[in-house]
Amino acid sequence: MNLQLLLAILVGGLFAAGIYLILRRSIVKLIIGLALISHGANLLIFASGRVVRASAPLVAEGQTSLRPPHADPLPQALILTAIVISFGVLAFMMVLVSRAYRALGTDDTDELRETDS
């Protein structure tokens, strides 16, 4: 099986599982679903950079451009940034959910909506 096809199926599975969990009533499942979607987005960006087993993306001495085949380093740098940002957002959401659970005693989104008024 082609590696690109396998990555595409994995990205689709992560997005599908994430959306399924987001539609559940529990806030904890919502956080897990958002984490799965962020992992799927990171894998999608990584796959767009062409996954190859080749030379490092370094310009050899005396040349002006890269020789193919090479992996694109830009998606890898974007993914590193996205991982750090998604970890920060996920940690912040976990603290908010913990605080809401302690204050209200539930993590059900329907019951949380009733406490608004």
PDB file of N, CA and C in Angstrom:
ATOM      1  N   MET A   1       0.856  -1.180   0.000  1.00  0.00           N
ATOM      2  CA  MET A   1       0.000   0.000   0.000  1.00  0.00           C
ATOM      3  C   MET A   1       0.899   1.238   0.000  1.00  0.00           C
ATOM      4  N   ASN A   2       0.491   2.238  -0.736  1.00  0.00           N
ATOM      5  CA  ASN A   2       1.241   3.483  -0.847  1.00  0.00           C
ATOM      6  C   ASN A   2       1.212   4.242   0.487  1.00  0.00           C
ATOM      7  N   LEU A   3       2.336   4.828   0.859  1.00  0.00           N
ATOM      8  CA  LEU A   3       2.433   5.551   2.131  1.00  0.00           C
ATOM      9  C   LEU A   3       1.514   6.769   2.146  1.00  0.00           C
ATOM     10  N   GLN A   4       1.415   7.461   1.024  1.00  0.00           N
ATOM     11  CA  GLN A   4       0.536   8.641   0.969  1.00  0.00           C
ATOM     12  C   GLN A   4      -0.928   8.237   1.169  1.00  0.00           C
ATOM     13  N   LEU A   5      -1.331   7.103   0.604  1.00  0.00           N
ATOM     14  CA  LEU A   5      -2.703   6.622   0.786  1.00  0.00           C
ATOM     15  C   LEU A   5      -2.953   6.247   2.242  1.00  0.00           C
ATOM     16  N   LEU A   6      -1.986   5.590   2.853  1.00  0.00           N
ATOM     17  CA  LEU A   6      -2.119   5.223   4.261  1.00  0.00           C
ATOM     18  C   LEU A   6      -2.249   6.458   5.149  1.00  0.00           C
ATOM     19  N   LEU A   7      -1.435   7.480   4.876  1.00  0.00           N
ATOM     20  CA  LEU A   7      -1.530   8.717   5.657  1.00  0.00           C
ATOM     21  C   LEU A   7      -2.865   9.412   5.440  1.00  0.00           C
ATOM     22  N   ALA A   8      -3.378   9.387   4.204  1.00  0.00           N
ATOM     23  CA  ALA A   8      -4.681  10.002   3.927  1.00  0.00           C
ATOM     24  C   ALA A   8      -5.798   9.290   4.685  1.00  0.00           C
ATOM     25  N   ILE A   9      -5.746   7.971   4.731  1.00  0.00           N
ATOM     26  CA  ILE A   9      -6.754   7.209   5.482  1.00  0.00           C
ATOM     27  C   ILE A   9      -6.646   7.512   6.977  1.00  0.00           C
ATOM     28  N   LEU A  10      -5.426   7.604   7.478  1.00  0.00           N
ATOM     29  CA  LEU A  10      -5.218   7.913   8.894  1.00  0.00           C
ATOM     30  C   LEU A  10      -5.719   9.319   9.239  1.00  0.00           C
ATOM     31  N   VAL A  11      -5.460  10.285   8.370  1.00  0.00           N
ATOM     32  CA  VAL A  11      -5.954  11.651   8.596  1.00  0.00           C
ATOM     33  C   VAL A  11      -7.476  11.662   8.611  1.00  0.00           C
ATOM     34  N   GLY A  12      -8.088  10.973   7.658  1.00  0.00           N
ATOM     35  CA  GLY A  12      -9.553  10.895   7.630  1.00  0.00           C
ATOM     36  C   GLY A  12     -10.116  10.238   8.866  1.00  0.00           C
ATOM     37  N   GLY A  13      -9.458   9.173   9.346  1.00  0.00           N
ATOM     38  CA  GLY A  13      -9.909   8.507  10.566  1.00  0.00           C
ATOM     39  C   GLY A  13      -9.800   9.399  11.791  1.00  0.00           C
ATOM     40  N   LEU A  14      -8.700  10.156  11.882  1.00  0.00           N
ATOM     41  CA  LEU A  14      -8.537  11.070  13.018  1.00  0.00           C
ATOM     42  C   LEU A  14      -9.593  12.174  13.000  1.00  0.00           C
ATOM     43  N   PHE A  15      -9.843  12.726  11.817  1.00  0.00           N
ATOM     44  CA  PHE A  15     -10.870  13.763  11.719  1.00  0.00           C
ATOM     45  C   PHE A  15     -12.253  13.202  12.041  1.00  0.00           C
ATOM     46  N   ALA A  16     -12.566  12.011  11.534  1.00  0.00           N
ATOM     47  CA  ALA A  16     -13.880  11.407  11.787  1.00  0.00           C
ATOM     48  C   ALA A  16     -14.074  11.119  13.276  1.00  0.00           C
ATOM     49  N   ALA A  17     -13.051  10.537  13.911  1.00  0.00           N
ATOM     50  CA  ALA A  17     -13.156  10.248  15.341  1.00  0.00           C
ATOM     51  C   ALA A  17     -13.256  11.536  16.158  1.00  0.00           C
ATOM     52  N   GLY A  18     -12.507  12.563  15.751  1.00  0.00           N
ATOM     53  CA  GLY A  18     -12.561  13.838  16.460  1.00  0.00           C
ATOM     54  C   GLY A  18     -13.929  14.500  16.361  1.00  0.00           C
ATOM     55  N   ILE A  19     -14.506  14.492  15.166  1.00  0.00           N
ATOM     56  CA  ILE A  19     -15.835  15.094  14.991  1.00  0.00           C
ATOM     57  C   ILE A  19     -16.884  14.295  15.762  1.00  0.00           C
ATOM     58  N   TYR A  20     -16.762  12.969  15.752  1.00  0.00           N
ATOM     59  CA  TYR A  20     -17.701  12.145  16.516  1.00  0.00           C
ATOM     60  C   TYR A  20     -17.642  12.491  18.005  1.00  0.00           C
ATOM     61  N   LEU A  21     -16.441  12.641  18.537  1.00  0.00           N
ATOM     62  CA  LEU A  21     -16.314  12.953  19.961  1.00  0.00           C
ATOM     63  C   LEU A  21     -16.767  14.373  20.289  1.00  0.00           C
ATOM     64  N   ILE A  22     -16.572  15.304  19.361  1.00  0.00           N
ATOM     65  CA  ILE A  22     -17.023  16.674  19.597  1.00  0.00           C
ATOM     66  C   ILE A  22     -18.548  16.735  19.713  1.00  0.00           C
ATOM     67  N   LEU A  23     -19.241  15.871  19.003  1.00  0.00           N
ATOM     68  CA  LEU A  23     -20.702  15.884  19.019  1.00  0.00           C
ATOM     69  C   LEU A  23     -21.305  15.187  20.239  1.00  0.00           C
ATOM     70  N   ARG A  24     -20.502  14.621  21.113  1.00  0.00           N
ATOM     71  CA  ARG A  24     -20.991  13.988  22.338  1.00  0.00           C
ATOM     72  C   ARG A  24     -21.333  15.053  23.371  1.00  0.00           C
ATOM     73  N   ARG A  25     -22.003  14.653  24.450  1.00  0.00           N
ATOM     74  CA  ARG A  25     -22.461  15.619  25.445  1.00  0.00           C
ATOM     75  C   ARG A  25     -21.420  15.939  26.512  1.00  0.00           C
ATOM     76  N   SER A  26     -20.398  15.148  26.646  1.00  0.00           N
ATOM     77  CA  SER A  26     -19.404  15.352  27.693  1.00  0.00           C
ATOM     78  C   SER A  26     -18.314  16.327  27.237  1.00  0.00           C
ATOM     79  N   ILE A  27     -17.927  17.213  28.132  1.00  0.00           N
ATOM     80  CA  ILE A  27     -16.874  18.183  27.797  1.00  0.00           C
ATOM     81  C   ILE A  27     -15.524  17.490  27.691  1.00  0.00           C
ATOM     82  N   VAL A  28     -15.312  16.439  28.466  1.00  0.00           N
ATOM     83  CA  VAL A  28     -14.055  15.699  28.390  1.00  0.00           C
ATOM     84  C   VAL A  28     -13.898  15.072  27.003  1.00  0.00           C
ATOM     85  N   LYS A  29     -14.981  14.513  26.473  1.00  0.00           N
ATOM     86  CA  LYS A  29     -14.940  13.958  25.125  1.00  0.00           C
ATOM     87  C   LYS A  29     -14.735  15.056  24.084  1.00  0.00           C
ATOM     88  N   LEU A  30     -15.243  16.232  24.344  1.00  0.00           N
ATOM     89  CA  LEU A  30     -15.025  17.366  23.451  1.00  0.00           C
ATOM     90  C   LEU A  30     -13.537  17.710  23.391  1.00  0.00           C
ATOM     91  N   ILE A  31     -12.865  17.717  24.534  1.00  0.00           N
ATOM     92  CA  ILE A  31     -11.434  18.026  24.563  1.00  0.00           C
ATOM     93  C   ILE A  31     -10.640  16.945  23.827  1.00  0.00           C
ATOM     94  N   ILE A  32     -10.985  15.686  24.046  1.00  0.00           N
ATOM     95  CA  ILE A  32     -10.291  14.604  23.347  1.00  0.00           C
ATOM     96  C   ILE A  32     -10.530  14.702  21.843  1.00  0.00           C
ATOM     97  N   GLY A  33     -11.748  15.052  21.443  1.00  0.00           N
ATOM     98  CA  GLY A  33     -12.049  15.225  20.024  1.00  0.00           C
ATOM     99  C   GLY A  33     -11.256  16.354  19.399  1.00  0.00           C
ATOM    100  N   LEU A  34     -11.127  17.457  20.109  1.00  0.00           N
ATOM    101  CA  LEU A  34     -10.316  18.561  19.591  1.00  0.00           C
ATOM    102  C   LEU A  34      -8.843  18.181  19.481  1.00  0.00           C
ATOM    103  N   ALA A  35      -8.365  17.386  20.424  1.00  0.00           N
ATOM    104  CA  ALA A  35      -6.977  16.912  20.344  1.00  0.00           C
ATOM    105  C   ALA A  35      -6.787  16.008  19.131  1.00  0.00           C
ATOM    106  N   LEU A  36      -7.756  15.128  18.867  1.00  0.00           N
ATOM    107  CA  LEU A  36      -7.656  14.258  17.692  1.00  0.00           C
ATOM    108  C   LEU A  36      -7.681  15.053  16.394  1.00  0.00           C
ATOM    109  N   ILE A  37      -8.512  16.076  16.337  1.00  0.00           N
ATOM    110  CA  ILE A  37      -8.561  16.901  15.131  1.00  0.00           C
ATOM    111  C   ILE A  37      -7.252  17.660  14.943  1.00  0.00           C
ATOM    112  N   SER A  38      -6.659  18.141  16.028  1.00  0.00           N
ATOM    113  CA  SER A  38      -5.388  18.844  15.874  1.00  0.00           C
ATOM    114  C   SER A  38      -4.283  17.889  15.432  1.00  0.00           C
ATOM    115  N   HIS A  39      -4.306  16.649  15.928  1.00  0.00           N
ATOM    116  CA  HIS A  39      -3.326  15.660  15.467  1.00  0.00           C
ATOM    117  C   HIS A  39      -3.546  15.328  13.988  1.00  0.00           C
ATOM    118  N   GLY A  40      -4.809  15.241  13.588  1.00  0.00           N
ATOM    119  CA  GLY A  40      -5.108  14.988  12.178  1.00  0.00           C
ATOM    120  C   GLY A  40      -4.639  16.122  11.285  1.00  0.00           C
ATOM    121  N   ALA A  41      -4.814  17.355  11.748  1.00  0.00           N
ATOM    122  CA  ALA A  41      -4.352  18.502  10.966  1.00  0.00           C
ATOM    123  C   ALA A  41      -2.826  18.520  10.869  1.00  0.00           C
ATOM    124  N   ASN A  42      -2.148  18.176  11.960  1.00  0.00           N
ATOM    125  CA  ASN A  42      -0.692  18.109  11.925  1.00  0.00           C
ATOM    126  C   ASN A  42      -0.207  17.037  10.956  1.00  0.00           C
ATOM    127  N   LEU A  43      -0.861  15.886  10.960  1.00  0.00           N
ATOM    128  CA  LEU A  43      -0.480  14.821  10.047  1.00  0.00           C
ATOM    129  C   LEU A  43      -0.780  15.201   8.602  1.00  0.00           C
ATOM    130  N   LEU A  44      -1.856  15.941   8.383  1.00  0.00           N
ATOM    131  CA  LEU A  44      -2.182  16.408   7.034  1.00  0.00           C
ATOM    132  C   LEU A  44      -1.117  17.370   6.512  1.00  0.00           C
ATOM    133  N   ILE A  45      -0.677  18.274   7.357  1.00  0.00           N
ATOM    134  CA  ILE A  45       0.387  19.201   6.953  1.00  0.00           C
ATOM    135  C   ILE A  45       1.682  18.436   6.699  1.00  0.00           C
ATOM    136  N   PHE A  46       1.975  17.445   7.550  1.00  0.00           N
ATOM    137  CA  PHE A  46       3.182  16.646   7.368  1.00  0.00           C
ATOM    138  C   PHE A  46       3.138  15.868   6.057  1.00  0.00           C
ATOM    139  N   ALA A  47       1.985  15.303   5.735  1.00  0.00           N
ATOM    140  CA  ALA A  47       1.852  14.536   4.499  1.00  0.00           C
ATOM    141  C   ALA A  47       1.938  15.429   3.270  1.00  0.00           C
ATOM    142  N   SER A  48       1.539  16.681   3.404  1.00  0.00           N
ATOM    143  CA  SER A  48       1.623  17.589   2.254  1.00  0.00           C
ATOM    144  C   SER A  48       3.066  17.939   1.917  1.00  0.00           C
ATOM    145  N   GLY A  49       3.980  17.727   2.850  1.00  0.00           N
ATOM    146  CA  GLY A  49       5.391  18.009   2.625  1.00  0.00           C
ATOM    147  C   GLY A  49       6.129  16.862   1.973  1.00  0.00           C
ATOM    148  N   ARG A  50       5.429  15.890   1.487  1.00  0.00           N
ATOM    149  CA  ARG A  50       5.980  14.747   0.777  1.00  0.00           C
ATOM    150  C   ARG A  50       6.896  13.931   1.685  1.00  0.00           C
ATOM    151  N   VAL A  51       6.408  12.807   2.123  1.00  0.00           N
ATOM    152  CA  VAL A  51       7.173  11.926   2.985  1.00  0.00           C
ATOM    153  C   VAL A  51       8.047  11.049   2.090  1.00  0.00           C
ATOM    154  N   VAL A  52       9.327  11.267   2.143  1.00  0.00           N
ATOM    155  CA  VAL A  52      10.265  10.476   1.342  1.00  0.00           C
ATOM    156  C   VAL A  52      11.449  10.075   2.213  1.00  0.00           C
ATOM    157  N   ARG A  53      12.028   8.938   1.874  1.00  0.00           N
ATOM    158  CA  ARG A  53      13.274   8.521   2.519  1.00  0.00           C
ATOM    159  C   ARG A  53      14.393   8.912   1.569  1.00  0.00           C
ATOM    160  N   ALA A  54      14.890  10.068   1.783  1.00  0.00           N
ATOM    161  CA  ALA A  54      15.902  10.587   0.871  1.00  0.00           C
ATOM    162  C   ALA A  54      16.897  11.423   1.667  1.00  0.00           C
ATOM    163  N   SER A  55      17.613  12.231   0.931  1.00  0.00           N
ATOM    164  CA  SER A  55      18.615  13.064   1.578  1.00  0.00           C
ATOM    165  C   SER A  55      17.961  14.180   2.373  1.00  0.00           C
ATOM    166  N   ALA A  56      18.722  14.708   3.309  1.00  0.00           N
ATOM    167  CA  ALA A  56      18.231  15.827   4.112  1.00  0.00           C
ATOM    168  C   ALA A  56      18.080  17.055   3.221  1.00  0.00           C
ATOM    169  N   PRO A  57      17.158  17.949   3.557  1.00  0.00           N
ATOM    170  CA  PRO A  57      16.947  19.139   2.718  1.00  0.00           C
ATOM    171  C   PRO A  57      18.025  20.192   2.934  1.00  0.00           C
ATOM    172  N   LEU A  58      19.256  19.843   2.621  1.00  0.00           N
ATOM    173  CA  LEU A  58      20.380  20.766   2.760  1.00  0.00           C
ATOM    174  C   LEU A  58      20.974  21.021   1.378  1.00  0.00           C
ATOM    175  N   VAL A  59      21.285  22.258   1.103  1.00  0.00           N
ATOM    176  CA  VAL A  59      21.900  22.617  -0.169  1.00  0.00           C
ATOM    177  C   VAL A  59      23.392  22.283  -0.076  1.00  0.00           C
ATOM    178  N   ALA A  60      23.843  21.463  -1.011  1.00  0.00           N
ATOM    179  CA  ALA A  60      25.245  21.049  -1.004  1.00  0.00           C
ATOM    180  C   ALA A  60      26.155  22.232  -1.332  1.00  0.00           C
ATOM    181  N   GLU A  61      27.387  22.124  -0.907  1.00  0.00           N
ATOM    182  CA  GLU A  61      28.342  23.203  -1.138  1.00  0.00           C
ATOM    183  C   GLU A  61      28.603  23.349  -2.638  1.00  0.00           C
ATOM    184  N   GLY A  62      28.518  24.581  -3.101  1.00  0.00           N
ATOM    185  CA  GLY A  62      28.736  24.875  -4.509  1.00  0.00           C
ATOM    186  C   GLY A  62      27.485  24.813  -5.363  1.00  0.00           C
ATOM    187  N   GLN A  63      26.329  24.466  -4.793  1.00  0.00           N
ATOM    188  CA  GLN A  63      25.074  24.411  -5.549  1.00  0.00           C
ATOM    189  C   GLN A  63      24.155  25.530  -5.095  1.00  0.00           C
ATOM    190  N   THR A  64      23.154  25.820  -5.911  1.00  0.00           N
ATOM    191  CA  THR A  64      22.221  26.895  -5.584  1.00  0.00           C
ATOM    192  C   THR A  64      20.834  26.394  -5.221  1.00  0.00           C
ATOM    193  N   SER A  65      20.557  25.117  -5.436  1.00  0.00           N
ATOM    194  CA  SER A  65      19.235  24.589  -5.109  1.00  0.00           C
ATOM    195  C   SER A  65      19.362  23.150  -4.617  1.00  0.00           C
ATOM    196  N   LEU A  66      18.250  22.640  -4.101  1.00  0.00           N
ATOM    197  CA  LEU A  66      18.220  21.270  -3.600  1.00  0.00           C
ATOM    198  C   LEU A  66      18.110  20.283  -4.748  1.00  0.00           C
ATOM    199  N   ARG A  67      18.725  19.122  -4.570  1.00  0.00           N
ATOM    200  CA  ARG A  67      18.594  18.060  -5.560  1.00  0.00           C
ATOM    201  C   ARG A  67      17.479  17.125  -5.123  1.00  0.00           C
ATOM    202  N   PRO A  68      16.531  16.808  -5.995  1.00  0.00           N
ATOM    203  CA  PRO A  68      15.475  15.865  -5.622  1.00  0.00           C
ATOM    204  C   PRO A  68      16.030  14.457  -5.499  1.00  0.00           C
ATOM    205  N   PRO A  69      15.431  13.572  -4.762  1.00  0.00           N
ATOM    206  CA  PRO A  69      14.272  13.773  -3.901  1.00  0.00           C
ATOM    207  C   PRO A  69      14.688  14.290  -2.533  1.00  0.00           C
ATOM    208  N   HIS A  70      13.889  15.150  -1.999  1.00  0.00           N
ATOM    209  CA  HIS A  70      14.135  15.685  -0.664  1.00  0.00           C
ATOM    210  C   HIS A  70      12.799  15.993  -0.007  1.00  0.00           C
ATOM    211  N   ALA A  71      12.798  15.976   1.308  1.00  0.00           N
ATOM    212  CA  ALA A  71      11.601  16.315   2.071  1.00  0.00           C
ATOM    213  C   ALA A  71      11.547  17.829   2.240  1.00  0.00           C
ATOM    214  N   ASP A  72      10.344  18.377   2.152  1.00  0.00           N
ATOM    215  CA  ASP A  72      10.167  19.817   2.309  1.00  0.00           C
ATOM    216  C   ASP A  72      10.242  20.161   3.800  1.00  0.00           C
ATOM    217  N   PRO A  73      11.162  21.030   4.219  1.00  0.00           N
ATOM    218  CA  PRO A  73      11.305  21.329   5.645  1.00  0.00           C
ATOM    219  C   PRO A  73      10.256  22.295   6.183  1.00  0.00           C
ATOM    220  N   LEU A  74       9.576  23.051   5.334  1.00  0.00           N
ATOM    221  CA  LEU A  74       8.609  24.036   5.811  1.00  0.00           C
ATOM    222  C   LEU A  74       7.427  23.401   6.545  1.00  0.00           C
ATOM    223  N   PRO A  75       6.775  22.359   6.012  1.00  0.00           N
ATOM    224  CA  PRO A  75       5.687  21.742   6.790  1.00  0.00           C
ATOM    225  C   PRO A  75       6.144  21.188   8.130  1.00  0.00           C
ATOM    226  N   GLN A  76       7.360  20.685   8.192  1.00  0.00           N
ATOM    227  CA  GLN A  76       7.861  20.165   9.461  1.00  0.00           C
ATOM    228  C   GLN A  76       8.016  21.283  10.487  1.00  0.00           C
ATOM    229  N   ALA A  77       8.484  22.444  10.052  1.00  0.00           N
ATOM    230  CA  ALA A  77       8.605  23.587  10.961  1.00  0.00           C
ATOM    231  C   ALA A  77       7.226  24.082  11.395  1.00  0.00           C
ATOM    232  N   LEU A  78       6.262  24.091  10.477  1.00  0.00           N
ATOM    233  CA  LEU A  78       4.901  24.507  10.830  1.00  0.00           C
ATOM    234  C   LEU A  78       4.277  23.553  11.838  1.00  0.00           C
ATOM    235  N   ILE A  79       4.552  22.276  11.688  1.00  0.00           N
ATOM    236  CA  ILE A  79       3.988  21.288  12.612  1.00  0.00           C
ATOM    237  C   ILE A  79       4.564  21.469  14.016  1.00  0.00           C
ATOM    238  N   LEU A  80       5.844  21.749  14.110  1.00  0.00           N
ATOM    239  CA  LEU A  80       6.429  21.975  15.436  1.00  0.00           C
ATOM    240  C   LEU A  80       5.751  23.146  16.142  1.00  0.00           C
ATOM    241  N   THR A  81       5.493  24.208  15.406  1.00  0.00           N
ATOM    242  CA  THR A  81       4.795  25.356  15.984  1.00  0.00           C
ATOM    243  C   THR A  81       3.369  24.984  16.362  1.00  0.00           C
ATOM    244  N   ALA A  82       2.691  24.244  15.503  1.00  0.00           N
ATOM    245  CA  ALA A  82       1.303  23.855  15.772  1.00  0.00           C
ATOM    246  C   ALA A  82       1.202  22.934  16.979  1.00  0.00           C
ATOM    247  N   ILE A  83       2.175  22.076  17.182  1.00  0.00           N
ATOM    248  CA  ILE A  83       2.154  21.178  18.338  1.00  0.00           C
ATOM    249  C   ILE A  83       2.251  21.976  19.635  1.00  0.00           C
ATOM    250  N   VAL A  84       3.122  22.949  19.667  1.00  0.00           N
ATOM    251  CA  VAL A  84       3.279  23.770  20.871  1.00  0.00           C
ATOM    252  C   VAL A  84       2.006  24.570  21.154  1.00  0.00           C
ATOM    253  N   ILE A  85       1.441  25.174  20.123  1.00  0.00           N
ATOM    254  CA  ILE A  85       0.218  25.964  20.311  1.00  0.00           C
ATOM    255  C   ILE A  85      -0.942  25.080  20.736  1.00  0.00           C
ATOM    256  N   SER A  86      -1.118  23.917  20.100  1.00  0.00           N
ATOM    257  CA  SER A  86      -2.236  23.044  20.462  1.00  0.00           C
ATOM    258  C   SER A  86      -2.072  22.481  21.871  1.00  0.00           C
ATOM    259  N   PHE A  87      -0.833  22.246  22.300  1.00  0.00           N
ATOM    260  CA  PHE A  87      -0.623  21.795  23.678  1.00  0.00           C
ATOM    261  C   PHE A  87      -1.040  22.879  24.670  1.00  0.00           C
ATOM    262  N   GLY A  88      -0.697  24.124  24.392  1.00  0.00           N
ATOM    263  CA  GLY A  88      -1.094  25.218  25.270  1.00  0.00           C
ATOM    264  C   GLY A  88      -2.599  25.396  25.337  1.00  0.00           C
ATOM    265  N   VAL A  89      -3.259  25.323  24.198  1.00  0.00           N
ATOM    266  CA  VAL A  89      -4.717  25.458  24.158  1.00  0.00           C
ATOM    267  C   VAL A  89      -5.379  24.290  24.875  1.00  0.00           C
ATOM    268  N   LEU A  90      -4.853  23.078  24.671  1.00  0.00           N
ATOM    269  CA  LEU A  90      -5.411  21.897  25.325  1.00  0.00           C
ATOM    270  C   LEU A  90      -5.253  21.984  26.846  1.00  0.00           C
ATOM    271  N   ALA A  91      -4.102  22.436  27.312  1.00  0.00           N
ATOM    272  CA  ALA A  91      -3.898  22.590  28.756  1.00  0.00           C
ATOM    273  C   ALA A  91      -4.846  23.643  29.332  1.00  0.00           C
ATOM    274  N   PHE A  92      -5.034  24.749  28.604  1.00  0.00           N
ATOM    275  CA  PHE A  92      -5.954  25.793  29.066  1.00  0.00           C
ATOM    276  C   PHE A  92      -7.384  25.262  29.129  1.00  0.00           C
ATOM    277  N   MET A  93      -7.794  24.491  28.117  1.00  0.00           N
ATOM    278  CA  MET A  93      -9.147  23.924  28.123  1.00  0.00           C
ATOM    279  C   MET A  93      -9.332  22.944  29.275  1.00  0.00           C
ATOM    280  N   MET A  94      -8.300  22.161  29.576  1.00  0.00           N
ATOM    281  CA  MET A  94      -8.418  21.214  30.685  1.00  0.00           C
ATOM    282  C   MET A  94      -8.584  21.934  32.016  1.00  0.00           C
ATOM    283  N   VAL A  95      -7.897  23.053  32.189  1.00  0.00           N
ATOM    284  CA  VAL A  95      -8.048  23.824  33.421  1.00  0.00           C
ATOM    285  C   VAL A  95      -9.460  24.420  33.504  1.00  0.00           C
ATOM    286  N   LEU A  96      -9.970  24.929  32.382  1.00  0.00           N
ATOM    287  CA  LEU A  96     -11.331  25.477  32.386  1.00  0.00           C
ATOM    288  C   LEU A  96     -12.376  24.417  32.691  1.00  0.00           C
ATOM    289  N   VAL A  97     -12.219  23.232  32.121  1.00  0.00           N
ATOM    290  CA  VAL A  97     -13.171  22.152  32.382  1.00  0.00           C
ATOM    291  C   VAL A  97     -13.083  21.702  33.833  1.00  0.00           C
ATOM    292  N   SER A  98     -11.882  21.613  34.355  1.00  0.00           N
ATOM    293  CA  SER A  98     -11.718  21.230  35.759  1.00  0.00           C
ATOM    294  C   SER A  98     -12.400  22.242  36.678  1.00  0.00           C
ATOM    295  N   ARG A  99     -12.220  23.505  36.386  1.00  0.00           N
ATOM    296  CA  ARG A  99     -12.847  24.562  37.202  1.00  0.00           C
ATOM    297  C   ARG A  99     -14.375  24.526  37.082  1.00  0.00           C
ATOM    298  N   ALA A 100     -14.867  24.314  35.873  1.00  0.00           N
ATOM    299  CA  ALA A 100     -16.322  24.243  35.678  1.00  0.00           C
ATOM    300  C   ALA A 100     -16.901  23.018  36.380  1.00  0.00           C
ATOM    301  N   TYR A 101     -16.189  21.904  36.347  1.00  0.00           N
ATOM    302  CA  TYR A 101     -16.684  20.703  37.015  1.00  0.00           C
ATOM    303  C   TYR A 101     -16.724  20.887  38.529  1.00  0.00           C
ATOM    304  N   ARG A 102     -15.688  21.531  39.069  1.00  0.00           N
ATOM    305  CA  ARG A 102     -15.680  21.783  40.515  1.00  0.00           C
ATOM    306  C   ARG A 102     -16.792  22.745  40.923  1.00  0.00           C
ATOM    307  N   ALA A 103     -17.063  23.733  40.094  1.00  0.00           N
ATOM    308  CA  ALA A 103     -18.079  24.728  40.451  1.00  0.00           C
ATOM    309  C   ALA A 103     -19.497  24.195  40.272  1.00  0.00           C
ATOM    310  N   LEU A 104     -19.727  23.412  39.201  1.00  0.00           N
ATOM    311  CA  LEU A 104     -21.091  22.993  38.877  1.00  0.00           C
ATOM    312  C   LEU A 104     -21.368  21.528  39.164  1.00  0.00           C
ATOM    313  N   GLY A 105     -20.339  20.704  39.277  1.00  0.00           N
ATOM    314  CA  GLY A 105     -20.539  19.298  39.599  1.00  0.00           C
ATOM    315  C   GLY A 105     -20.956  18.438  38.430  1.00  0.00           C
ATOM    316  N   THR A 106     -20.808  18.900  37.214  1.00  0.00           N
ATOM    317  CA  THR A 106     -21.178  18.109  36.040  1.00  0.00           C
ATOM    318  C   THR A 106     -20.298  18.487  34.862  1.00  0.00           C
ATOM    319  N   ASP A 107     -20.187  17.539  33.916  1.00  0.00           N
ATOM    320  CA  ASP A 107     -19.482  17.844  32.674  1.00  0.00           C
ATOM    321  C   ASP A 107     -20.397  17.672  31.468  1.00  0.00           C
ATOM    322  N   ASP A 108     -21.688  17.500  31.724  1.00  0.00           N
ATOM    323  CA  ASP A 108     -22.683  17.364  30.656  1.00  0.00           C
ATOM    324  C   ASP A 108     -22.991  18.743  30.086  1.00  0.00           C
ATOM    325  N   THR A 109     -22.871  18.901  28.767  1.00  0.00           N
ATOM    326  CA  THR A 109     -23.064  20.214  28.156  1.00  0.00           C
ATOM    327  C   THR A 109     -24.505  20.699  28.246  1.00  0.00           C
ATOM    328  N   ASP A 110     -25.467  19.774  28.231  1.00  0.00           N
ATOM    329  CA  ASP A 110     -26.857  20.203  28.374  1.00  0.00           C
ATOM    330  C   ASP A 110     -27.144  20.762  29.757  1.00  0.00           C
ATOM    331  N   GLU A 111     -26.573  20.144  30.789  1.00  0.00           N
ATOM    332  CA  GLU A 111     -26.753  20.675  32.136  1.00  0.00           C
ATOM    333  C   GLU A 111     -25.993  21.962  32.348  1.00  0.00           C
ATOM    334  N   LEU A 112     -24.862  22.136  31.679  1.00  0.00           N
ATOM    335  CA  LEU A 112     -24.107  23.383  31.785  1.00  0.00           C
ATOM    336  C   LEU A 112     -24.891  24.532  31.151  1.00  0.00           C
ATOM    337  N   ARG A 113     -25.623  24.240  30.088  1.00  0.00           N
ATOM    338  CA  ARG A 113     -26.430  25.283  29.432  1.00  0.00           C
ATOM    339  C   ARG A 113     -27.557  25.768  30.336  1.00  0.00           C
ATOM    340  N   GLU A 114     -28.087  24.868  31.155  1.00  0.00           N
ATOM    341  CA  GLU A 114     -29.193  25.243  32.052  1.00  0.00           C
ATOM    342  C   GLU A 114     -28.727  26.171  33.170  1.00  0.00           C
ATOM    343  N   THR A 115     -27.449  26.166  33.483  1.00  0.00           N
ATOM    344  CA  THR A 115     -26.941  27.023  34.557  1.00  0.00           C
ATOM    345  C   THR A 115     -26.637  28.435  34.076  1.00  0.00           C
ATOM    346  N   ASP A 116     -26.799  28.725  32.777  1.00  0.00           N
ATOM    347  CA  ASP A 116     -26.504  30.054  32.251  1.00  0.00           C
ATOM    348  C   ASP A 116     -27.471  31.106  32.769  1.00  0.00           C
ATOM    349  N   SER A 117     -28.732  30.772  32.888  1.00  0.00           N
ATOM    350  CA  SER A 117     -29.718  31.788  33.268  1.00  0.00           C
ATOM    351  C   SER A 117     -29.836  31.968  34.755  1.00  0.00           C
TER     352      SER A 117
END
